[in-house]
């Protein structure tokens, strides 16, 4: 694609998809297997050659592209999701400046990767390990990402682990967005160009 925003919106779609899942799980205790797998697989593709390779294929991030399109076109405004996204984008700035935390996350992912390859990234043991990695590293940075939802589900260790694992994927997408040249000014001055780039990706 020639649109210079193409890679940026793909990364934002990965972010939107991850946070949409986080909100759904926190509120209902239910997740979408394929979308969760796409999000979690992305955290292990650190050295992917292209942004698309991070997510596997366009179809795997299409739900996120649709969420992002609704936001950019001002068709579906979800203030809770927008606040979460801004928190993660701010957290990413702090994360990349904390070299020790970056190294700890990188080491942790390398240790978990063989298990994810063997059992699948959505296996409960892998979710627990990814959630634990987030809790031990990124969750200590500020601003903390505050997830609201149903206390019944947020009190369940398995649900909390899955949410933390997906938040790790959200941060990974935020890092990718910055690497592709994304800035907060895009949301102010480049909304139309980003919307066009999203439409180029969507079937």
C-alpha atoms as a PDB file:
ATOM      1  CA  UNK A   1       0.000   0.000   0.000  1.00  0.00           C
ATOM      2  CA  UNK A   2       1.246   3.468  -0.802  1.00  0.00           C
ATOM      3  CA  UNK A   3      -0.583   5.259   2.008  1.00  0.00           C
ATOM      4  CA  UNK A   4       2.082   6.122   4.597  1.00  0.00           C
ATOM      5  CA  UNK A   5      -0.484   5.660   7.355  1.00  0.00           C
ATOM      6  CA  UNK A   6      -1.162   2.021   6.457  1.00  0.00           C
ATOM      7  CA  UNK A   7       1.302   0.503   8.909  1.00  0.00           C
ATOM      8  CA  UNK A   8       0.309   2.930  11.656  1.00  0.00           C
ATOM      9  CA  UNK A   9      -3.399   2.131  11.457  1.00  0.00           C
ATOM     10  CA  UNK A  10      -2.659  -1.591  11.423  1.00  0.00           C
ATOM     11  CA  UNK A  11      -0.806  -1.184  14.719  1.00  0.00           C
ATOM     12  CA  UNK A  12      -3.649   0.945  16.105  1.00  0.00           C
ATOM     13  CA  UNK A  13      -6.088  -1.754  15.017  1.00  0.00           C
ATOM     14  CA  UNK A  14      -4.062  -4.273  17.008  1.00  0.00           C
ATOM     15  CA  UNK A  15      -4.291  -1.944  19.999  1.00  0.00           C
ATOM     16  CA  UNK A  16      -8.030  -1.399  19.541  1.00  0.00           C
ATOM     17  CA  UNK A  17      -8.682  -5.114  19.164  1.00  0.00           C
ATOM     18  CA  UNK A  18      -6.741  -5.970  22.314  1.00  0.00           C
ATOM     19  CA  UNK A  19      -8.485  -3.337  24.427  1.00  0.00           C
ATOM     20  CA  UNK A  20     -11.915  -4.221  23.046  1.00  0.00           C
ATOM     21  CA  UNK A  21     -11.235  -7.774  24.224  1.00  0.00           C
ATOM     22  CA  UNK A  22     -10.065  -6.543  27.624  1.00  0.00           C
ATOM     23  CA  UNK A  23     -13.298  -4.632  28.140  1.00  0.00           C
ATOM     24  CA  UNK A  24     -15.467  -7.533  27.030  1.00  0.00           C
ATOM     25  CA  UNK A  25     -13.686 -10.002  29.299  1.00  0.00           C
ATOM     26  CA  UNK A  26     -13.826  -7.616  32.263  1.00  0.00           C
ATOM     27  CA  UNK A  27     -17.538  -7.025  31.798  1.00  0.00           C
ATOM     28  CA  UNK A  28     -18.770 -10.488  30.775  1.00  0.00           C
ATOM     29  CA  UNK A  29     -16.027 -12.972  31.596  1.00  0.00           C
ATOM     30  CA  UNK A  30     -16.222 -14.124  27.970  1.00  0.00           C
ATOM     31  CA  UNK A  31     -13.549 -13.846  25.299  1.00  0.00           C
ATOM     32  CA  UNK A  32     -13.286 -14.449  21.556  1.00  0.00           C
ATOM     33  CA  UNK A  33     -10.806 -17.250  20.950  1.00  0.00           C
ATOM     34  CA  UNK A  34      -9.540 -16.269  17.484  1.00  0.00           C
ATOM     35  CA  UNK A  35      -9.190 -12.583  18.348  1.00  0.00           C
ATOM     36  CA  UNK A  36      -7.415 -13.366  21.627  1.00  0.00           C
ATOM     37  CA  UNK A  37      -5.025 -15.717  19.843  1.00  0.00           C
ATOM     38  CA  UNK A  38      -4.195 -13.071  17.227  1.00  0.00           C
ATOM     39  CA  UNK A  39      -3.473 -10.559  19.980  1.00  0.00           C
ATOM     40  CA  UNK A  40      -1.317 -12.915  22.038  1.00  0.00           C
ATOM     41  CA  UNK A  41       0.565 -14.333  19.056  1.00  0.00           C
ATOM     42  CA  UNK A  42       1.663 -10.781  18.242  1.00  0.00           C
ATOM     43  CA  UNK A  43       3.694 -10.427  21.440  1.00  0.00           C
ATOM     44  CA  UNK A  44       6.014 -13.225  20.363  1.00  0.00           C
ATOM     45  CA  UNK A  45       6.657 -11.792  16.875  1.00  0.00           C
ATOM     46  CA  UNK A  46       9.205  -9.261  18.049  1.00  0.00           C
ATOM     47  CA  UNK A  47      11.392  -9.533  14.958  1.00  0.00           C
ATOM     48  CA  UNK A  48       8.609  -9.688  12.359  1.00  0.00           C
ATOM     49  CA  UNK A  49       9.629  -8.227   8.999  1.00  0.00           C
ATOM     50  CA  UNK A  50       6.484  -6.107   8.569  1.00  0.00           C
ATOM     51  CA  UNK A  51       3.632  -4.828  10.752  1.00  0.00           C
ATOM     52  CA  UNK A  52       1.271  -7.207   8.961  1.00  0.00           C
ATOM     53  CA  UNK A  53       3.540 -10.110   9.881  1.00  0.00           C
ATOM     54  CA  UNK A  54       3.140  -9.145  13.544  1.00  0.00           C
ATOM     55  CA  UNK A  55      -0.570  -9.967  13.329  1.00  0.00           C
ATOM     56  CA  UNK A  56      -0.357 -12.837  10.866  1.00  0.00           C
ATOM     57  CA  UNK A  57      -2.859 -11.714   8.258  1.00  0.00           C
ATOM     58  CA  UNK A  58      -5.357  -8.910   7.780  1.00  0.00           C
ATOM     59  CA  UNK A  59      -8.300 -11.119   8.706  1.00  0.00           C
ATOM     60  CA  UNK A  60      -6.825 -11.678  12.164  1.00  0.00           C
ATOM     61  CA  UNK A  61      -6.936  -7.959  12.961  1.00  0.00           C
ATOM     62  CA  UNK A  62     -10.116  -7.066  11.049  1.00  0.00           C
ATOM     63  CA  UNK A  63     -12.186  -6.725  14.259  1.00  0.00           C
ATOM     64  CA  UNK A  64      -9.720  -4.102  15.453  1.00  0.00           C
ATOM     65  CA  UNK A  65      -9.809  -2.315  12.113  1.00  0.00           C
ATOM     66  CA  UNK A  66     -13.594  -2.073  12.398  1.00  0.00           C
ATOM     67  CA  UNK A  67     -13.396  -0.698  15.937  1.00  0.00           C
ATOM     68  CA  UNK A  68     -10.794   1.832  14.819  1.00  0.00           C
ATOM     69  CA  UNK A  69     -12.866   2.840  11.816  1.00  0.00           C
ATOM     70  CA  UNK A  70     -15.879   3.539  14.005  1.00  0.00           C
ATOM     71  CA  UNK A  71     -13.737   5.766  16.208  1.00  0.00           C
ATOM     72  CA  UNK A  72     -12.083   7.689  13.377  1.00  0.00           C
ATOM     73  CA  UNK A  73     -15.385   8.175  11.528  1.00  0.00           C
ATOM     74  CA  UNK A  74     -17.066   9.216  14.785  1.00  0.00           C
ATOM     75  CA  UNK A  75     -19.718   6.563  14.177  1.00  0.00           C
ATOM     76  CA  UNK A  76     -19.259   4.567  17.361  1.00  0.00           C
ATOM     77  CA  UNK A  77     -17.792   6.481  20.291  1.00  0.00           C
ATOM     78  CA  UNK A  78     -16.803   4.324  23.251  1.00  0.00           C
ATOM     79  CA  UNK A  79     -15.362   6.700  25.835  1.00  0.00           C
ATOM     80  CA  UNK A  80     -14.202   3.853  28.047  1.00  0.00           C
ATOM     81  CA  UNK A  81     -12.254   2.255  25.225  1.00  0.00           C
ATOM     82  CA  UNK A  82     -10.780   5.620  24.193  1.00  0.00           C
ATOM     83  CA  UNK A  83      -9.581   6.277  27.746  1.00  0.00           C
ATOM     84  CA  UNK A  84      -7.969   2.841  27.917  1.00  0.00           C
ATOM     85  CA  UNK A  85      -6.225   3.427  24.593  1.00  0.00           C
ATOM     86  CA  UNK A  86      -4.847   6.788  25.704  1.00  0.00           C
ATOM     87  CA  UNK A  87      -3.608   5.214  28.944  1.00  0.00           C
ATOM     88  CA  UNK A  88      -1.787   2.480  27.044  1.00  0.00           C
ATOM     89  CA  UNK A  89      -0.240   4.953  24.598  1.00  0.00           C
ATOM     90  CA  UNK A  90       1.012   7.025  27.542  1.00  0.00           C
ATOM     91  CA  UNK A  91       2.259   3.889  29.302  1.00  0.00           C
ATOM     92  CA  UNK A  92       4.190   2.894  26.174  1.00  0.00           C
ATOM     93  CA  UNK A  93       6.173   6.141  26.359  1.00  0.00           C
ATOM     94  CA  UNK A  94       7.272   5.285  29.899  1.00  0.00           C
ATOM     95  CA  UNK A  95       7.900   1.635  29.078  1.00  0.00           C
ATOM     96  CA  UNK A  96      10.348   2.229  26.211  1.00  0.00           C
ATOM     97  CA  UNK A  97      12.377   4.602  28.411  1.00  0.00           C
ATOM     98  CA  UNK A  98      12.753   1.989  31.151  1.00  0.00           C
ATOM     99  CA  UNK A  99      15.525  -0.210  29.741  1.00  0.00           C
ATOM    100  CA  UNK A 100      15.463  -2.660  32.632  1.00  0.00           C
ATOM    101  CA  UNK A 101      11.749  -3.235  32.178  1.00  0.00           C
ATOM    102  CA  UNK A 102      12.132  -3.667  28.420  1.00  0.00           C
ATOM    103  CA  UNK A 103      14.878  -6.246  28.959  1.00  0.00           C
ATOM    104  CA  UNK A 104      12.812  -8.058  31.588  1.00  0.00           C
ATOM    105  CA  UNK A 105       9.837  -8.296  29.242  1.00  0.00           C
ATOM    106  CA  UNK A 106      12.034  -9.448  26.364  1.00  0.00           C
ATOM    107  CA  UNK A 107      13.619 -12.152  28.521  1.00  0.00           C
ATOM    108  CA  UNK A 108      10.262 -13.236  29.856  1.00  0.00           C
ATOM    109  CA  UNK A 109       8.754 -13.567  26.379  1.00  0.00           C
ATOM    110  CA  UNK A 110      11.756 -15.621  25.234  1.00  0.00           C
ATOM    111  CA  UNK A 111      11.195 -17.994  28.163  1.00  0.00           C
ATOM    112  CA  UNK A 112       7.454 -18.313  27.519  1.00  0.00           C
ATOM    113  CA  UNK A 113       7.708 -18.612  23.716  1.00  0.00           C
ATOM    114  CA  UNK A 114       8.551 -22.356  23.567  1.00  0.00           C
ATOM    115  CA  UNK A 115       5.528 -23.149  25.735  1.00  0.00           C
ATOM    116  CA  UNK A 116       3.313 -20.973  23.551  1.00  0.00           C
ATOM    117  CA  UNK A 117       4.652 -22.706  20.450  1.00  0.00           C
ATOM    118  CA  UNK A 118       3.877 -26.120  21.916  1.00  0.00           C
ATOM    119  CA  UNK A 119       0.594 -25.459  23.713  1.00  0.00           C
ATOM    120  CA  UNK A 120      -0.765 -22.417  21.890  1.00  0.00           C
ATOM    121  CA  UNK A 121      -0.774 -18.818  23.058  1.00  0.00           C
ATOM    122  CA  UNK A 122      -4.262 -19.119  24.584  1.00  0.00           C
ATOM    123  CA  UNK A 123      -3.465 -22.149  26.749  1.00  0.00           C
ATOM    124  CA  UNK A 124      -4.232 -21.379  30.415  1.00  0.00           C
ATOM    125  CA  UNK A 125      -0.604 -21.959  31.421  1.00  0.00           C
ATOM    126  CA  UNK A 126       0.610 -19.536  28.773  1.00  0.00           C
ATOM    127  CA  UNK A 127      -2.027 -16.969  29.733  1.00  0.00           C
ATOM    128  CA  UNK A 128      -0.944 -17.270  33.344  1.00  0.00           C
ATOM    129  CA  UNK A 129       2.716 -16.807  32.416  1.00  0.00           C
ATOM    130  CA  UNK A 130       2.020 -13.784  30.200  1.00  0.00           C
ATOM    131  CA  UNK A 131      -0.246 -12.260  32.825  1.00  0.00           C
ATOM    132  CA  UNK A 132       2.416 -12.800  35.462  1.00  0.00           C
ATOM    133  CA  UNK A 133       5.031 -11.173  33.234  1.00  0.00           C
ATOM    134  CA  UNK A 134       2.851  -8.087  32.812  1.00  0.00           C
ATOM    135  CA  UNK A 135       2.148  -7.953  36.558  1.00  0.00           C
ATOM    136  CA  UNK A 136       5.858  -8.230  37.427  1.00  0.00           C
ATOM    137  CA  UNK A 137       7.042  -5.620  34.936  1.00  0.00           C
ATOM    138  CA  UNK A 138       4.820  -3.180  33.058  1.00  0.00           C
ATOM    139  CA  UNK A 139       2.120  -2.966  35.727  1.00  0.00           C
ATOM    140  CA  UNK A 140       4.590  -1.200  38.033  1.00  0.00           C
ATOM    141  CA  UNK A 141       4.958   1.726  35.613  1.00  0.00           C
ATOM    142  CA  UNK A 142       2.802   4.832  35.596  1.00  0.00           C
ATOM    143  CA  UNK A 143       0.224   5.645  34.488  1.00  0.00           C
ATOM    144  CA  UNK A 144      -1.348   2.357  35.497  1.00  0.00           C
ATOM    145  CA  UNK A 145      -3.965   1.035  33.113  1.00  0.00           C
ATOM    146  CA  UNK A 146      -7.173   0.794  35.130  1.00  0.00           C
ATOM    147  CA  UNK A 147      -9.639  -1.763  33.795  1.00  0.00           C
ATOM    148  CA  UNK A 148     -13.215  -1.490  34.998  1.00  0.00           C
ATOM    149  CA  UNK A 149     -15.770  -4.248  34.770  1.00  0.00           C
ATOM    150  CA  UNK A 150     -17.886  -6.736  36.687  1.00  0.00           C
ATOM    151  CA  UNK A 151     -16.311  -7.393  40.126  1.00  0.00           C
ATOM    152  CA  UNK A 152     -17.467 -11.017  39.900  1.00  0.00           C
ATOM    153  CA  UNK A 153     -15.181 -11.649  36.926  1.00  0.00           C
ATOM    154  CA  UNK A 154     -12.403  -9.310  37.988  1.00  0.00           C
ATOM    155  CA  UNK A 155     -12.099 -11.351  41.165  1.00  0.00           C
ATOM    156  CA  UNK A 156     -11.254 -14.519  39.249  1.00  0.00           C
ATOM    157  CA  UNK A 157      -7.510 -15.218  38.854  1.00  0.00           C
ATOM    158  CA  UNK A 158      -7.953 -16.752  35.393  1.00  0.00           C
ATOM    159  CA  UNK A 159      -9.817 -13.702  34.115  1.00  0.00           C
ATOM    160  CA  UNK A 160      -7.260 -11.330  35.607  1.00  0.00           C
ATOM    161  CA  UNK A 161      -4.404 -13.297  34.021  1.00  0.00           C
ATOM    162  CA  UNK A 162      -6.082 -13.182  30.602  1.00  0.00           C
ATOM    163  CA  UNK A 163      -6.702  -9.440  30.873  1.00  0.00           C
ATOM    164  CA  UNK A 164      -3.080  -8.788  31.844  1.00  0.00           C
ATOM    165  CA  UNK A 165      -1.837 -10.992  29.009  1.00  0.00           C
ATOM    166  CA  UNK A 166      -3.920  -9.045  26.494  1.00  0.00           C
ATOM    167  CA  UNK A 167      -2.756  -5.739  27.970  1.00  0.00           C
ATOM    168  CA  UNK A 168       0.763  -6.925  27.186  1.00  0.00           C
ATOM    169  CA  UNK A 169      -0.374  -7.346  23.576  1.00  0.00           C
ATOM    170  CA  UNK A 170      -1.878  -3.855  23.661  1.00  0.00           C
ATOM    171  CA  UNK A 171       1.444  -2.374  24.755  1.00  0.00           C
ATOM    172  CA  UNK A 172       3.191  -4.337  22.004  1.00  0.00           C
ATOM    173  CA  UNK A 173       0.872  -2.731  19.430  1.00  0.00           C
ATOM    174  CA  UNK A 174       1.472   0.709  20.953  1.00  0.00           C
ATOM    175  CA  UNK A 175       5.221   0.207  20.605  1.00  0.00           C
ATOM    176  CA  UNK A 176       4.753  -0.844  16.980  1.00  0.00           C
ATOM    177  CA  UNK A 177       2.634   2.255  16.298  1.00  0.00           C
ATOM    178  CA  UNK A 178       5.408   4.518  17.566  1.00  0.00           C
ATOM    179  CA  UNK A 179       7.992   2.588  15.564  1.00  0.00           C
ATOM    180  CA  UNK A 180       5.926   3.250  12.438  1.00  0.00           C
ATOM    181  CA  UNK A 181       6.053   6.996  13.109  1.00  0.00           C
ATOM    182  CA  UNK A 182       2.759   7.365  14.952  1.00  0.00           C
ATOM    183  CA  UNK A 183       2.269  10.346  17.256  1.00  0.00           C
ATOM    184  CA  UNK A 184      -0.626  11.828  19.176  1.00  0.00           C
ATOM    185  CA  UNK A 185      -0.796  14.578  16.550  1.00  0.00           C
ATOM    186  CA  UNK A 186      -2.120  11.969  14.101  1.00  0.00           C
ATOM    187  CA  UNK A 187      -5.424  11.994  15.960  1.00  0.00           C
ATOM    188  CA  UNK A 188      -5.661  15.767  15.584  1.00  0.00           C
ATOM    189  CA  UNK A 189      -4.403  16.437  12.074  1.00  0.00           C
ATOM    190  CA  UNK A 190      -4.469  13.105  10.217  1.00  0.00           C
ATOM    191  CA  UNK A 191      -7.821  11.534  11.056  1.00  0.00           C
ATOM    192  CA  UNK A 192      -8.978  11.578   7.418  1.00  0.00           C
ATOM    193  CA  UNK A 193      -5.766   9.987   6.147  1.00  0.00           C
ATOM    194  CA  UNK A 194      -5.946   7.295   8.821  1.00  0.00           C
ATOM    195  CA  UNK A 195      -9.571   6.579   7.967  1.00  0.00           C
ATOM    196  CA  UNK A 196      -8.620   6.150   4.314  1.00  0.00           C
ATOM    197  CA  UNK A 197      -5.816   3.787   5.324  1.00  0.00           C
ATOM    198  CA  UNK A 198      -8.228   1.714   7.426  1.00  0.00           C
ATOM    199  CA  UNK A 199     -10.637   1.478   4.495  1.00  0.00           C
ATOM    200  CA  UNK A 200      -7.779   0.273   2.304  1.00  0.00           C
ATOM    201  CA  UNK A 201      -7.199  -2.623   4.694  1.00  0.00           C
ATOM    202  CA  UNK A 202     -10.842  -3.591   5.162  1.00  0.00           C
ATOM    203  CA  UNK A 203     -12.422  -6.018   2.652  1.00  0.00           C
END
